[in-house]
Protein backbone atom coordinates (compact mmCIF):
# COMPACT_ATOMS: atom_id res chain seq x y z
CA MET A 1 -9.59 -5.62 9.75
CA THR A 2 -12.65 -5.39 7.53
CA VAL A 3 -12.51 -7.26 4.24
CA ALA A 4 -12.00 -4.91 1.30
CA LYS A 5 -14.70 -5.24 -1.33
CA PRO A 6 -13.73 -5.14 -5.02
CA ALA A 7 -15.63 -3.10 -7.57
CA PRO A 8 -18.46 -4.95 -9.33
CA ARG A 9 -17.57 -7.11 -12.33
CA GLY A 10 -17.85 -5.23 -15.56
CA ALA A 11 -16.82 -1.95 -13.93
CA ALA A 12 -14.54 0.18 -16.07
CA CYS A 13 -10.82 -0.54 -15.82
CA LEU A 14 -9.14 2.58 -14.46
CA SER A 15 -5.69 3.84 -15.31
CA LEU A 16 -3.48 5.04 -12.47
CA GLU A 17 -4.17 8.64 -13.52
CA ASP A 18 -7.96 8.02 -13.47
CA TYR A 19 -7.58 6.57 -9.97
CA LEU A 20 -5.48 9.49 -8.75
CA ASN A 21 -8.15 11.92 -9.99
CA TYR A 22 -11.09 9.86 -8.66
CA ASP A 23 -13.32 11.53 -6.06
CA ASP A 24 -16.65 10.03 -5.04
CA GLY A 25 -17.40 12.90 -2.65
CA THR A 26 -16.78 10.78 0.47
CA ASP A 27 -13.83 10.23 2.78
CA ALA A 28 -13.62 6.57 1.72
CA ARG A 29 -10.15 5.28 0.86
CA TYR A 30 -9.54 2.97 -2.07
CA GLU A 31 -6.72 0.90 -3.46
CA LEU A 32 -6.41 0.31 -7.18
CA VAL A 33 -6.06 -3.40 -7.96
CA ASP A 34 -5.65 -4.45 -11.59
CA GLY A 35 -7.50 -1.34 -12.71
CA ALA A 36 -10.43 -1.80 -10.29
CA LEU A 37 -11.26 0.34 -7.26
CA VAL A 38 -11.25 -1.66 -4.03
CA ALA A 39 -12.73 0.02 -0.95
CA MET A 40 -10.39 -0.31 2.00
CA GLY A 41 -11.72 -1.59 5.28
CA SER A 42 -10.66 -0.08 8.57
CA GLU A 43 -7.64 -1.46 10.41
CA SER A 44 -8.02 -3.22 13.75
CA ASP A 45 -6.57 -1.56 16.83
CA LEU A 46 -4.08 -4.42 17.13
CA ASN A 47 -2.81 -3.90 13.56
CA ASN A 48 -2.46 -0.16 14.22
CA ARG A 49 -0.48 -0.79 17.42
CA ILE A 50 1.81 -3.29 15.66
CA ALA A 51 2.48 -0.80 12.85
CA LEU A 52 3.20 1.96 15.39
CA PHE A 53 5.57 -0.33 17.33
CA LEU A 54 7.44 -1.21 14.12
CA LEU A 55 7.63 2.46 13.12
CA MET A 56 9.10 3.39 16.50
CA ALA A 57 11.58 0.49 16.37
CA LEU A 58 12.70 1.38 12.84
CA ALA A 59 13.08 5.04 13.86
CA ARG A 60 15.98 4.00 16.11
CA PHE A 61 17.98 2.97 13.03
CA VAL A 62 16.48 4.80 10.04
CA PRO A 63 16.35 8.59 9.61
CA LEU A 64 12.77 9.81 10.15
CA GLY A 65 12.75 11.45 6.72
CA GLN A 66 13.04 8.02 5.13
CA LEU A 67 10.13 6.42 7.05
CA ARG A 68 6.58 6.58 5.71
CA ASN A 69 3.14 5.35 6.66
CA LYS A 70 -0.09 5.99 4.75
CA THR A 71 1.97 6.34 1.57
CA GLU A 72 0.76 4.60 -1.58
CA VAL A 73 2.95 2.41 -3.74
CA GLU A 74 2.32 1.87 -7.44
CA THR A 75 2.94 -1.85 -7.76
CA PRO A 76 4.97 -3.11 -10.70
CA LEU A 77 2.95 -6.17 -11.76
CA GLY A 78 -0.25 -6.45 -13.79
CA ARG A 79 -2.51 -3.62 -14.81
CA ALA A 80 -2.69 -0.34 -12.92
CA SER A 81 -2.40 -1.02 -9.20
CA SER A 82 -1.69 1.10 -6.15
CA ARG A 83 -1.57 -0.19 -2.58
CA TYR A 84 -1.27 1.35 0.90
CA PRO A 85 1.30 -0.69 2.84
CA ASP A 86 1.51 -0.06 6.58
CA LEU A 87 5.12 1.16 6.52
CA LEU A 88 7.82 2.03 4.02
CA VAL A 89 11.54 2.64 4.34
CA LEU A 90 12.77 4.85 1.51
CA SER A 91 16.29 5.45 0.33
CA GLU A 92 17.66 8.97 0.74
CA LEU A 93 17.00 9.59 -2.96
CA GLY A 94 13.50 8.13 -2.68
CA ALA A 95 12.69 10.40 0.26
CA GLU A 96 13.98 13.44 -1.64
CA THR A 97 12.00 12.48 -4.74
CA ILE A 98 8.65 11.98 -3.01
CA ALA A 99 9.06 15.10 -0.82
CA GLY A 100 8.21 17.37 -3.75
CA GLU A 101 5.09 15.48 -4.86
CA LYS A 102 1.49 16.62 -4.34
CA ARG A 103 0.40 13.09 -3.37
CA SER A 104 2.25 10.68 -1.10
CA LEU A 105 2.72 8.02 -3.79
CA VAL A 106 5.81 6.05 -4.76
CA ARG A 107 5.55 5.69 -8.53
CA ARG A 108 7.28 3.02 -10.61
CA SER A 109 9.52 5.72 -12.05
CA MET A 110 10.83 6.65 -8.58
CA PRO A 111 13.48 4.82 -6.57
CA ALA A 112 11.90 1.67 -5.11
CA PRO A 113 11.36 1.55 -1.34
CA LEU A 114 14.07 -0.32 0.53
CA LEU A 115 11.45 -2.06 2.68
CA VAL A 116 7.67 -2.50 2.40
CA VAL A 117 5.84 -3.68 5.55
CA GLU A 118 2.29 -5.02 5.60
CA VAL A 119 0.75 -5.89 9.00
CA VAL A 120 -1.55 -8.79 8.23
CA SER A 121 -4.73 -9.99 9.88
CA PRO A 122 -5.10 -13.56 11.14
CA GLY A 123 -6.71 -15.96 8.73
CA GLU A 124 -6.57 -19.28 7.00
CA PRO A 125 -5.71 -20.09 3.37
CA GLY A 126 -8.75 -19.50 1.20
CA GLU A 127 -10.13 -16.65 3.35
CA PRO A 128 -10.22 -13.24 1.61
CA ASN A 129 -7.89 -11.45 4.08
CA TYR A 130 -5.34 -14.27 3.98
CA ASP A 131 -5.34 -14.57 0.19
CA ARG A 132 -5.07 -10.79 -0.25
CA ASP A 133 -2.32 -10.24 2.34
CA TYR A 134 -0.20 -13.37 1.90
CA ILE A 135 -0.64 -14.07 -1.81
CA GLU A 136 -1.85 -11.05 -3.84
CA LYS A 137 0.09 -8.32 -2.05
CA ARG A 138 3.19 -10.46 -1.79
CA LEU A 139 3.19 -10.94 -5.57
CA GLU A 140 2.52 -7.24 -6.19
CA TYR A 141 5.16 -5.98 -3.78
CA GLY A 142 7.67 -8.58 -4.99
CA GLY A 143 9.23 -6.11 -7.40
CA VAL A 144 9.33 -3.26 -4.88
CA GLY A 145 12.44 -3.62 -2.71
CA ASP A 146 12.22 -5.89 0.36
CA TRP A 147 8.88 -7.12 1.65
CA GLY A 148 8.01 -7.88 5.29
CA VAL A 149 4.88 -9.56 6.63
């Protein structure tokens, strides 16, 4: 996985609505972290295969309508933040609620996902990927149902 690069210091702090309306004219994907745009790196093939395996395994036990990938989650801590976990398991009500939305985003006002899964890249404490995946995201997702690494 490529390391995501945060916006430069001093960049304007975006609200969630600003972020949702943001378009830089490219196909680049961003996460919103404490009001700052963070360009997302591409996933490794191994991470993609692990996420696909988990999705297929979960599909044996969870109705397909309640499984999501590439769905954003507005995180409950700090300033405006929105992340793209690898997989989500939604409640029936959560799946019904998000089905009518224009953007695949679980907002704070919606039922929280039952499970949030993040496939992490190898790393050591102090490395950017490790700190982001094991510390930052864990804290952010802490208030959003169950969290799996």
